[in-house]
Protein backbone atom coordinates (compact mmCIF):
# COMPACT_ATOMS: atom_id res chain seq x y z
CA MET A 1 -57.06 -18.98 -8.39
CA SER A 2 -53.47 -19.06 -7.12
CA PHE A 3 -51.79 -15.83 -6.09
CA GLY A 4 -48.01 -15.47 -6.05
CA ILE A 5 -45.13 -13.03 -6.09
CA ASP A 6 -45.69 -12.12 -9.73
CA ASP A 7 -49.18 -10.91 -8.84
CA LEU A 8 -47.80 -8.42 -6.31
CA PRO A 9 -46.52 -4.96 -7.27
CA VAL A 10 -42.89 -5.87 -6.52
CA ARG A 11 -40.08 -3.84 -8.06
CA ASP A 12 -39.16 -4.87 -11.60
CA GLU A 13 -35.55 -5.72 -10.72
CA LEU A 14 -36.78 -8.30 -8.19
CA ARG A 15 -39.08 -10.15 -10.57
CA GLY A 16 -37.90 -13.61 -11.52
CA LYS A 17 -35.20 -13.66 -8.82
CA SER A 18 -34.71 -16.36 -6.19
CA PRO A 19 -33.86 -15.77 -2.54
CA TYR A 20 -30.41 -16.77 -1.31
CA GLY A 21 -30.27 -20.16 0.35
CA ALA A 22 -28.70 -23.58 0.56
CA PRO A 23 -30.55 -26.88 0.99
CA GLN A 24 -31.14 -27.70 4.65
CA LEU A 25 -31.48 -31.46 4.54
CA ASP A 26 -31.42 -33.98 7.38
CA VAL A 27 -28.38 -36.05 6.43
CA PRO A 28 -25.55 -37.52 8.54
CA VAL A 29 -22.84 -35.19 7.16
CA ARG A 30 -23.57 -31.58 6.18
CA LEU A 31 -20.67 -29.86 4.45
CA ASN A 32 -22.51 -27.31 2.33
CA THR A 33 -22.70 -24.00 4.21
CA ASN A 34 -19.09 -23.30 5.30
CA GLU A 35 -19.98 -23.50 8.97
CA ASN A 36 -17.36 -24.21 11.60
CA PRO A 37 -18.14 -27.82 12.61
CA TYR A 38 -16.89 -27.51 16.18
CA PRO A 39 -19.38 -26.52 18.91
CA LEU A 40 -18.33 -23.66 21.14
CA PRO A 41 -16.15 -24.83 24.06
CA GLU A 42 -17.97 -25.24 27.35
CA PRO A 43 -16.12 -22.41 29.17
CA LEU A 44 -17.27 -20.03 26.43
CA VAL A 45 -20.83 -21.33 26.65
CA GLU A 46 -20.75 -20.63 30.39
CA ARG A 47 -19.35 -17.14 29.80
CA ILE A 48 -22.06 -16.41 27.25
CA ALA A 49 -24.67 -17.48 29.80
CA GLU A 50 -23.16 -15.12 32.37
CA ARG A 51 -23.07 -12.14 30.02
CA VAL A 52 -26.56 -12.78 28.66
CA ARG A 53 -27.92 -13.19 32.19
CA GLU A 54 -26.51 -9.77 33.08
CA ALA A 55 -27.89 -8.25 29.86
CA ALA A 56 -31.30 -9.77 30.59
CA ARG A 57 -31.58 -7.69 33.75
CA HIS A 58 -31.69 -4.59 31.56
CA LEU A 59 -33.83 -5.70 28.64
CA ASN A 60 -36.43 -3.12 29.60
CA ARG A 61 -33.92 -0.57 28.25
CA TYR A 62 -32.61 -0.17 24.72
CA PRO A 63 -29.12 -1.58 24.09
CA ASP A 64 -26.07 0.59 23.51
CA ARG A 65 -27.05 2.11 20.18
CA ASP A 66 -23.45 2.49 19.02
CA ALA A 67 -22.13 -0.78 20.52
CA VAL A 68 -19.04 1.03 21.81
CA GLU A 69 -17.73 -1.77 24.04
CA LEU A 70 -18.18 -4.36 21.32
CA ARG A 71 -16.51 -2.19 18.68
CA THR A 72 -13.63 -1.54 21.08
CA ARG A 73 -13.06 -5.27 21.59
CA LEU A 74 -13.33 -5.91 17.83
CA ALA A 75 -10.73 -3.21 17.20
CA GLU A 76 -8.42 -4.87 19.73
CA TYR A 77 -8.92 -8.25 18.00
CA LEU A 78 -8.07 -6.77 14.60
CA THR A 79 -5.02 -4.97 15.97
CA LYS A 80 -3.74 -8.17 17.58
CA THR A 81 -4.36 -10.57 14.70
CA ALA A 82 -3.56 -8.30 11.75
CA GLY A 83 -0.64 -6.56 13.40
CA HIS A 84 -2.02 -3.20 12.39
CA PRO A 85 -3.47 -0.60 14.78
CA VAL A 86 -7.24 -0.17 14.61
CA GLY A 87 -9.32 2.04 16.90
CA VAL A 88 -12.96 1.95 17.89
CA GLU A 89 -13.58 4.86 15.51
CA ASN A 90 -12.54 2.60 12.62
CA VAL A 91 -14.98 -0.23 13.39
CA TRP A 92 -18.70 -0.72 12.85
CA ALA A 93 -20.78 -3.83 13.63
CA ALA A 94 -24.12 -5.18 12.43
CA ASN A 95 -26.26 -8.31 12.26
CA GLY A 96 -23.95 -10.42 10.14
CA SER A 97 -21.65 -9.26 7.36
CA ASN A 98 -24.69 -9.24 5.08
CA GLU A 99 -26.16 -6.34 7.04
CA VAL A 100 -22.78 -4.60 6.87
CA ILE A 101 -22.90 -4.97 3.07
CA GLN A 102 -26.50 -3.80 2.99
CA GLN A 103 -25.68 -0.69 5.01
CA LEU A 104 -22.73 0.09 2.73
CA LEU A 105 -24.95 -0.20 -0.34
CA GLN A 106 -27.69 1.85 1.27
CA THR A 107 -25.09 4.54 1.94
CA PHE A 108 -22.97 4.48 -1.22
CA GLY A 109 -25.24 2.70 -3.72
CA GLY A 110 -28.95 2.97 -4.36
CA PRO A 111 -31.12 4.09 -7.31
CA GLY A 112 -29.10 5.58 -10.13
CA ARG A 113 -25.87 4.07 -8.80
CA THR A 114 -24.05 0.83 -9.63
CA ALA A 115 -21.85 -1.81 -7.99
CA ILE A 116 -19.50 -4.31 -9.60
CA GLY A 117 -18.28 -7.72 -8.42
CA PHE A 118 -16.11 -10.29 -10.15
CA GLU A 119 -18.09 -13.49 -10.58
CA PRO A 120 -18.37 -16.24 -9.63
CA SER A 121 -18.21 -14.73 -6.17
CA TYR A 122 -20.44 -14.30 -3.14
CA SER A 123 -23.91 -14.10 -4.65
CA MET A 124 -25.30 -11.94 -1.83
CA HIS A 125 -23.35 -8.95 -3.12
CA GLY A 126 -25.50 -8.88 -6.24
CA LEU A 127 -28.69 -9.78 -4.37
CA ILE A 128 -28.24 -7.03 -1.80
CA ALA A 129 -27.35 -4.58 -4.55
CA ARG A 130 -30.64 -5.29 -6.29
CA GLY A 131 -32.49 -5.15 -2.98
CA THR A 132 -31.16 -1.64 -2.38
CA GLY A 133 -31.98 -0.49 -5.91
CA THR A 134 -28.31 -0.51 -6.91
CA GLY A 135 -27.51 -1.58 -10.45
CA TRP A 136 -25.34 -4.72 -10.56
CA ILE A 137 -22.45 -5.32 -12.95
CA SER A 138 -20.85 -8.76 -13.27
CA GLY A 139 -17.11 -8.35 -13.74
CA PRO A 140 -14.75 -10.89 -15.36
CA ARG A 141 -12.56 -13.66 -13.98
CA ASN A 142 -9.97 -15.85 -15.64
CA GLU A 143 -10.45 -19.55 -16.34
CA ASP A 144 -8.60 -20.35 -13.09
CA PHE A 145 -10.98 -18.03 -11.18
CA THR A 146 -8.38 -15.33 -10.55
CA ILE A 147 -9.48 -11.79 -11.37
CA ASP A 148 -8.67 -10.75 -14.94
CA LEU A 149 -7.03 -7.48 -13.95
CA ALA A 150 -6.84 -5.94 -17.41
CA ALA A 151 -10.48 -6.76 -18.11
CA ALA A 152 -11.48 -5.59 -14.63
CA ARG A 153 -9.80 -2.24 -15.12
CA LYS A 154 -11.52 -1.87 -18.47
CA ALA A 155 -14.93 -2.67 -16.90
CA ILE A 156 -14.38 -0.16 -14.10
CA ALA A 157 -13.34 2.54 -16.59
CA GLU A 158 -16.37 1.79 -18.78
CA HIS A 159 -19.06 1.50 -16.11
CA ARG A 160 -17.60 3.85 -13.47
CA PRO A 161 -19.28 1.96 -10.59
CA ASP A 162 -19.97 3.57 -7.24
CA VAL A 163 -19.04 0.42 -5.27
CA VAL A 164 -16.46 -2.26 -6.14
CA PHE A 165 -16.58 -5.63 -4.35
CA VAL A 166 -13.49 -7.83 -3.99
CA THR A 167 -13.91 -11.10 -2.09
CA THR A 168 -10.75 -12.64 -0.66
CA PRO A 169 -10.60 -15.52 -0.05
CA ASN A 170 -13.23 -15.79 -2.74
CA ASN A 171 -16.47 -17.68 -2.16
CA PRO A 172 -17.22 -20.15 -3.78
CA THR A 173 -13.83 -20.74 -5.40
CA GLY A 174 -11.60 -20.37 -2.31
CA ASN A 175 -8.68 -18.55 -3.91
CA ALA A 176 -7.19 -15.41 -2.34
CA VAL A 177 -6.72 -12.11 -4.18
CA PRO A 178 -3.19 -10.67 -3.96
CA ALA A 179 -2.80 -7.27 -2.32
CA GLU A 180 -1.32 -5.93 -5.57
CA THR A 181 -4.55 -6.78 -7.41
CA VAL A 182 -6.69 -5.10 -4.77
CA LEU A 183 -4.53 -1.99 -4.92
CA ALA A 184 -4.77 -1.93 -8.71
CA LEU A 185 -8.56 -2.21 -8.55
CA HIS A 186 -8.72 0.49 -5.89
CA ASP A 187 -6.63 2.84 -8.00
CA ALA A 188 -8.70 2.10 -11.11
CA ALA A 189 -11.90 2.82 -9.16
CA GLN A 190 -10.58 6.16 -7.92
CA SER A 191 -9.45 7.10 -11.44
CA ALA A 192 -12.88 6.41 -12.92
CA LYS A 193 -14.52 8.47 -10.17
CA PRO A 194 -14.32 8.39 -6.37
CA SER A 195 -15.77 4.95 -5.58
CA MET A 196 -15.97 2.74 -2.50
CA VAL A 197 -13.96 -0.48 -2.65
CA VAL A 198 -15.27 -3.18 -0.29
CA VAL A 199 -12.92 -6.07 0.46
CA ASP A 200 -14.96 -8.98 1.83
CA GLU A 201 -12.68 -10.95 4.19
CA ALA A 202 -15.26 -13.33 5.63
CA TYR A 203 -12.80 -16.26 5.46
CA VAL A 204 -9.51 -14.46 6.03
CA GLU A 205 -8.64 -16.28 9.27
CA PHE A 206 -8.32 -19.47 7.20
CA SER A 207 -5.97 -17.88 4.68
CA HIS A 208 -2.33 -18.81 4.11
CA GLY A 209 -1.56 -15.08 3.89
CA ASP A 210 -2.30 -11.94 5.82
CA SER A 211 -5.31 -9.67 6.09
CA LEU A 212 -5.40 -6.68 3.78
CA LEU A 213 -6.23 -4.46 6.74
CA PRO A 214 -2.95 -2.45 6.45
CA LEU A 215 -4.13 -1.24 3.03
CA LEU A 216 -6.63 1.02 4.80
CA ASP A 217 -3.89 3.53 5.57
CA GLY A 218 -4.27 6.56 3.33
CA ARG A 219 -7.27 5.05 1.50
CA PRO A 220 -10.49 6.48 2.99
CA ASN A 221 -12.60 4.85 0.25
CA LEU A 222 -11.44 1.33 1.15
CA VAL A 223 -13.48 -0.90 3.50
CA ILE A 224 -12.64 -4.32 5.00
CA SER A 225 -15.68 -6.46 5.86
CA ARG A 226 -15.47 -9.36 8.35
CA THR A 227 -17.73 -11.84 10.16
CA MET A 228 -17.81 -13.89 13.37
CA SER A 229 -19.75 -16.68 11.63
CA LYS A 230 -16.79 -18.66 10.30
CA ALA A 231 -13.55 -18.56 12.31
CA PHE A 232 -15.41 -17.84 15.57
CA GLY A 233 -17.80 -20.75 15.01
CA ALA A 234 -20.69 -18.40 15.67
CA ALA A 235 -22.89 -18.60 12.58
CA GLY A 236 -25.96 -18.54 14.80
CA LEU A 237 -24.85 -15.29 16.43
CA ARG A 238 -25.19 -13.17 13.25
CA LEU A 239 -22.45 -10.66 13.91
CA GLY A 240 -20.50 -8.94 11.16
CA TYR A 241 -18.27 -5.90 11.25
CA LEU A 242 -16.17 -3.60 9.10
CA ALA A 243 -12.96 -1.65 9.44
CA ALA A 244 -12.56 1.62 7.57
CA HIS A 245 -11.80 5.32 7.85
CA PRO A 246 -13.86 6.96 10.65
CA ALA A 247 -15.80 8.92 8.03
CA VAL A 248 -17.14 5.62 6.62
CA VAL A 249 -18.25 4.55 10.09
CA ASP A 250 -20.04 7.88 10.47
CA ALA A 251 -21.65 7.51 7.04
CA VAL A 252 -23.18 4.05 7.56
CA GLN A 253 -24.82 5.29 10.74
CA LEU A 254 -27.00 7.48 8.54
CA VAL A 255 -28.84 4.35 7.34
CA ARG A 256 -28.57 1.93 10.25
CA LEU A 257 -31.79 1.16 12.07
CA PRO A 258 -32.04 2.47 15.64
CA TYR A 259 -30.64 0.02 18.22
CA HIS A 260 -30.02 -2.52 15.46
CA LEU A 261 -27.75 -4.76 17.59
CA SER A 262 -29.64 -6.30 20.50
CA ALA A 263 -28.20 -6.38 23.99
CA VAL A 264 -28.12 -10.19 23.79
CA THR A 265 -26.18 -10.13 20.52
CA GLN A 266 -23.65 -7.69 21.94
CA ALA A 267 -23.25 -9.71 25.14
CA THR A 268 -22.72 -12.96 23.23
CA ALA A 269 -20.18 -11.43 20.86
CA LEU A 270 -18.25 -9.89 23.76
CA ALA A 271 -18.05 -13.29 25.44
CA ALA A 272 -16.72 -14.87 22.23
CA LEU A 273 -14.06 -12.19 21.91
CA GLU A 274 -12.79 -13.16 25.37
CA HIS A 275 -11.96 -16.62 23.98
CA THR A 276 -10.29 -15.79 20.67
CA ASP A 277 -7.13 -17.79 21.45
CA THR A 278 -9.13 -20.98 21.97
CA LEU A 279 -11.38 -20.39 18.95
CA LEU A 280 -8.45 -19.74 16.63
CA LYS A 281 -6.96 -23.13 17.58
CA TYR A 282 -9.99 -24.70 15.89
CA VAL A 283 -9.16 -22.60 12.83
CA GLU A 284 -5.72 -24.21 12.68
CA GLN A 285 -7.32 -27.66 12.81
CA LEU A 286 -9.69 -26.74 9.99
CA LYS A 287 -6.86 -25.36 7.86
CA ALA A 288 -5.06 -28.70 8.20
CA GLU A 289 -8.25 -30.56 7.26
CA ARG A 290 -8.82 -28.26 4.27
CA ASP A 291 -5.28 -28.96 3.03
CA ARG A 292 -5.91 -32.68 3.48
CA LEU A 293 -9.06 -32.44 1.37
CA VAL A 294 -7.15 -30.63 -1.36
CA ALA A 295 -4.40 -33.27 -1.40
CA GLU A 296 -6.79 -36.24 -1.30
CA LEU A 297 -9.07 -34.89 -4.02
CA ARG A 298 -6.13 -34.19 -6.30
CA ALA A 299 -4.76 -37.67 -5.65
CA LEU A 300 -8.11 -39.03 -6.81
CA GLY A 301 -7.75 -37.11 -10.07
CA TYR A 302 -10.12 -34.21 -9.41
CA ASP A 303 -9.35 -30.65 -10.39
CA VAL A 304 -9.14 -28.52 -7.25
CA THR A 305 -9.00 -24.75 -6.99
CA GLU A 306 -6.33 -23.37 -4.64
CA SER A 307 -8.10 -22.66 -1.35
CA ASP A 308 -7.39 -20.10 1.38
CA ALA A 309 -10.83 -20.63 2.94
CA ASN A 310 -12.51 -23.34 5.02
CA PHE A 311 -13.91 -24.99 1.89
CA VAL A 312 -12.67 -26.55 -1.32
CA GLN A 313 -14.01 -26.24 -4.87
CA PHE A 314 -13.51 -29.41 -6.90
CA GLY A 315 -14.49 -30.80 -10.29
CA ARG A 316 -14.73 -30.96 -13.19
CA PHE A 317 -18.00 -32.67 -13.99
CA GLU A 318 -20.16 -32.84 -17.08
CA ASP A 319 -23.21 -32.71 -14.82
CA SER A 320 -22.25 -31.29 -11.43
CA HIS A 321 -25.80 -31.49 -10.05
CA ALA A 322 -25.98 -35.22 -10.85
CA VAL A 323 -22.71 -35.76 -8.96
CA TRP A 324 -24.05 -33.63 -6.09
CA ARG A 325 -27.06 -35.95 -5.90
CA ARG A 326 -24.91 -39.09 -5.93
CA ILE A 327 -22.80 -37.76 -3.06
CA LEU A 328 -25.99 -36.88 -1.19
CA ASP A 329 -27.26 -40.43 -1.72
CA ARG A 330 -24.24 -41.52 0.33
CA GLY A 331 -25.30 -39.32 3.26
CA VAL A 332 -23.02 -36.34 2.55
CA LEU A 333 -24.39 -32.91 1.63
CA VAL A 334 -22.03 -30.64 -0.32
CA ARG A 335 -22.84 -27.44 -2.22
CA ASP A 336 -23.85 -27.12 -5.85
CA ASN A 337 -23.16 -23.42 -6.26
CA GLY A 338 -24.18 -23.21 -9.87
CA VAL A 339 -20.59 -22.84 -11.12
CA PRO A 340 -20.70 -25.08 -14.20
CA GLY A 341 -18.70 -28.26 -13.69
CA TRP A 342 -17.77 -27.63 -10.06
CA LEU A 343 -18.93 -28.47 -6.51
CA ARG A 344 -17.87 -27.06 -3.14
CA VAL A 345 -17.23 -28.96 0.09
CA THR A 346 -16.78 -27.39 3.53
CA ALA A 347 -13.89 -28.61 5.66
CA GLY A 348 -15.52 -30.46 8.54
CA THR A 349 -14.26 -32.63 11.36
CA PRO A 350 -11.83 -35.43 10.42
CA ALA A 351 -14.67 -37.96 10.61
CA GLU A 352 -16.94 -35.84 8.40
CA ASN A 353 -14.17 -35.34 5.87
CA ASP A 354 -13.45 -39.08 5.87
CA ALA A 355 -17.12 -39.74 5.06
CA PHE A 356 -16.98 -37.27 2.18
CA LEU A 357 -13.74 -38.73 0.80
CA ASP A 358 -15.17 -42.25 1.03
CA ALA A 359 -18.18 -41.06 -0.97
CA VAL A 360 -16.11 -39.55 -3.79
CA ARG A 361 -13.83 -42.61 -3.85
CA GLU A 362 -16.90 -44.77 -4.41
CA LEU A 363 -17.92 -42.51 -7.28
CA LYS A 364 -14.49 -42.89 -8.84
CA LYS A 365 -14.71 -46.67 -8.58
CA GLU A 366 -18.16 -46.68 -10.19
CA GLN A 367 -16.77 -44.59 -13.04
CA GLY A 368 -13.90 -47.04 -13.46
CA SER A 369 -11.26 -44.39 -12.92
């Protein structure tokens, strides 16, 4: 007799759910997980080795529990790139932005509380909400994937959520959310009841506009979440962080696990932060490649969502999964996110993007269009 998840006494809200994940297939071109395609530069690799070697001499001791040096360097990075002063007391770090989100929901969500996000958006918000026992509310978007502000305000007033998620640039659609919209949602959330508003800026370095970091001033219930996985080309590092009022930083420490950031993780992240100027040059290359993808796909007759991220959503297809398969048959893996009629492609190297564009051109020729 087979024995599976349904035979275990798992929580009811987890039954029938699937874990987050994207296909990991061995194909020549992988453009499905929004990774930075450029390996870390050799001087940074050498610096990581130096810092990790030094950290290894002290692995018999616990790491800095509060990651003070790392948070200080992250605050300096935010101050420099966003043009807005941030101190160490405003910054918290964890194992990827997903752990940041989890800690926020453990602190401000949980049983008897709810969170709202405007979908389609980053699916982990809903998954982590359910994992922390937080009720999940799917808020509305317009046909063009912008947030329907009037409907969003109505949903916030009706459901009075404890946490509001706003993803900008939005994943999987790529479009940015104007500051005015975020402010309107923040004000609506505070009118319904004091609620936390979490702005997920995982892709902000690729944006045409600026970070919403300055909005933190005078708004202690607003949080900006970031990651080193994308712009820093460090998806394997698993380092995320937030910027917020010092009281928020104090609050999430109530739920963080002891010594949650290893000494090796902290050493590696510190090395990467020493090379931000070099790493951000790769970001500029990827922004140019993203814009090329947008232009080429539109020239081929595809609908393309405006993108401020390192990926592009394109369509529309009667059967998006069938098109995904046909692109895969040509050695290129893109993402079928489950948004009806649409697919998502990560901006890769010029050669990778050429391979993708050749694949979709072949599809167009086969379709006689």
